[in-house]
Each structure stands twice: as C-alpha cells, then as structure tokens.
Protein backbone atom coordinates (compact mmCIF):
# COMPACT_ATOMS: atom_id res chain seq x y z
CA UNK A 1 184.83 -11.70 -97.96
CA UNK A 2 185.24 -15.44 -98.26
CA UNK A 3 183.63 -16.44 -101.48
CA UNK A 4 182.65 -19.87 -99.89
CA UNK A 5 180.29 -18.29 -97.40
CA UNK A 6 177.63 -17.22 -100.25
CA UNK A 7 178.09 -20.50 -101.99
CA UNK A 8 177.35 -22.56 -98.70
CA UNK A 9 174.29 -20.14 -97.85
CA UNK A 10 172.94 -21.15 -101.28
CA UNK A 11 173.72 -24.68 -100.81
CA UNK A 12 171.83 -24.96 -97.49
CA UNK A 13 168.86 -23.08 -98.81
CA UNK A 14 168.92 -25.50 -101.81
CA UNK A 15 168.84 -28.52 -99.50
CA UNK A 16 166.24 -26.92 -97.56
CA UNK A 17 164.16 -26.61 -100.51
CA UNK A 18 164.78 -30.25 -101.62
CA UNK A 19 163.68 -31.38 -98.16
CA UNK A 20 160.27 -29.37 -98.51
CA UNK A 21 159.89 -30.70 -101.93
CA UNK A 22 160.34 -34.49 -100.50
CA UNK A 23 157.61 -33.69 -97.82
CA UNK A 24 155.29 -32.02 -100.42
CA UNK A 25 155.67 -35.09 -102.59
CA UNK A 26 154.82 -37.43 -99.89
CA UNK A 27 158.37 -39.03 -99.96
CA UNK A 28 159.27 -38.20 -96.30
CA UNK A 29 157.63 -36.45 -93.60
CA UNK A 30 158.80 -33.55 -91.62
CA UNK A 31 159.31 -35.92 -88.84
CA UNK A 32 161.49 -38.31 -90.97
CA UNK A 33 163.85 -35.24 -91.78
CA UNK A 34 163.99 -34.16 -88.37
CA UNK A 35 165.08 -37.65 -87.12
CA UNK A 36 167.73 -38.01 -89.85
CA UNK A 37 169.07 -34.64 -89.10
CA UNK A 38 169.03 -34.99 -85.40
CA UNK A 39 170.81 -38.23 -85.90
CA UNK A 40 173.49 -36.59 -87.87
CA UNK A 41 173.97 -33.75 -85.28
CA UNK A 42 174.24 -36.44 -82.48
CA UNK A 43 177.11 -37.95 -84.46
CA UNK A 44 178.92 -34.85 -84.81
CA UNK A 45 178.65 -33.87 -81.20
CA UNK A 46 179.16 -37.37 -79.78
CA UNK A 47 180.91 -37.47 -76.63
CA UNK A 48 181.98 -41.11 -76.68
CA UNK A 49 184.72 -40.68 -79.18
CA UNK A 50 188.03 -38.99 -78.53
CA UNK A 51 188.03 -35.40 -79.56
CA UNK A 52 189.87 -35.20 -82.76
CA UNK A 53 188.85 -31.52 -83.25
CA UNK A 54 187.86 -28.76 -81.03
CA UNK A 55 184.56 -28.03 -79.55
CA UNK A 56 184.27 -24.85 -81.89
CA UNK A 57 184.70 -27.15 -84.88
CA UNK A 58 182.18 -29.50 -83.92
CA UNK A 59 179.87 -26.75 -83.71
CA UNK A 60 180.90 -25.37 -86.95
CA UNK A 61 180.19 -28.78 -88.37
CA UNK A 62 176.85 -28.93 -86.68
CA UNK A 63 175.69 -25.42 -87.84
CA UNK A 64 174.30 -26.61 -91.40
CA UNK A 65 172.53 -29.54 -89.65
CA UNK A 66 170.92 -27.37 -87.02
CA UNK A 67 170.17 -24.61 -89.66
CA UNK A 68 168.48 -27.55 -91.71
CA UNK A 69 166.39 -28.56 -88.75
CA UNK A 70 165.18 -25.02 -88.29
CA UNK A 71 164.27 -24.82 -91.84
CA UNK A 72 162.29 -27.93 -91.64
CA UNK A 73 160.82 -26.68 -88.61
CA UNK A 74 159.62 -23.68 -90.48
CA UNK A 75 158.56 -25.40 -93.27
CA UNK A 76 156.31 -27.78 -91.10
CA UNK A 77 154.79 -24.55 -89.51
CA UNK A 78 154.24 -22.97 -92.94
CA UNK A 79 156.69 -19.93 -92.09
CA UNK A 80 158.89 -18.15 -94.77
CA UNK A 81 162.42 -17.92 -93.80
CA UNK A 82 165.77 -16.37 -95.09
CA UNK A 83 169.30 -17.55 -94.43
CA UNK A 84 170.08 -14.77 -91.98
CA UNK A 85 166.88 -15.56 -89.58
CA UNK A 86 167.93 -19.34 -89.50
CA UNK A 87 171.37 -18.64 -88.63
CA UNK A 88 170.35 -15.78 -86.11
CA UNK A 89 168.17 -18.41 -84.50
CA UNK A 90 170.86 -21.21 -84.46
CA UNK A 91 173.02 -18.80 -82.70
CA UNK A 92 170.42 -18.13 -80.17
CA UNK A 93 169.59 -21.60 -79.57
CA UNK A 94 173.31 -22.88 -78.98
C-alpha cells in the first residue's frame, strides 16, 4: 500500500474542514470557495495549452479539486461526508 494515499486523504479532509471553518467564520462564502476551486479545475483541464501531460494525469491532478468541490457542496447542504463517499462521487461524475 502506498503510504502517501492515506496522508493525502487526510490532507483533503483537513482542507475541507478549513474551508468549512472559513465559511462558518464569515471569511468567505460557499460560492467563493466554489468559484476558486472551479477556476483551479479549469486551469488544470484547459484545452488551450499544449498537453505536457496525459489526459489521465490531468484528471488525477483535478481529483482533489473535484473532491473539495463536493465537500463544499455537502457542507453547504449540511450533509456529513467521508473521503470514500466523496471519492466515489467524483468517479461517478467524471
């Protein structure tokens, strides 16, 4: 088993928790977080640049962004989530 995977799972959940806290404190809104993450996703998947990496590599880079988008969506709806649920939903949507 690759030890980086659980570490990354923890990192994604930590970032999601920080995003939730920022919203709760009124620093940003769910819409602000969504907009920032969508901009990052567009940058990763932009078609206007020559492909320096494969499509599968681009999708791998986009995975944590998409996961955080779903976590933000779940937080906005007041829904509890775990990494596995979010990862499964990312796969279903892409």
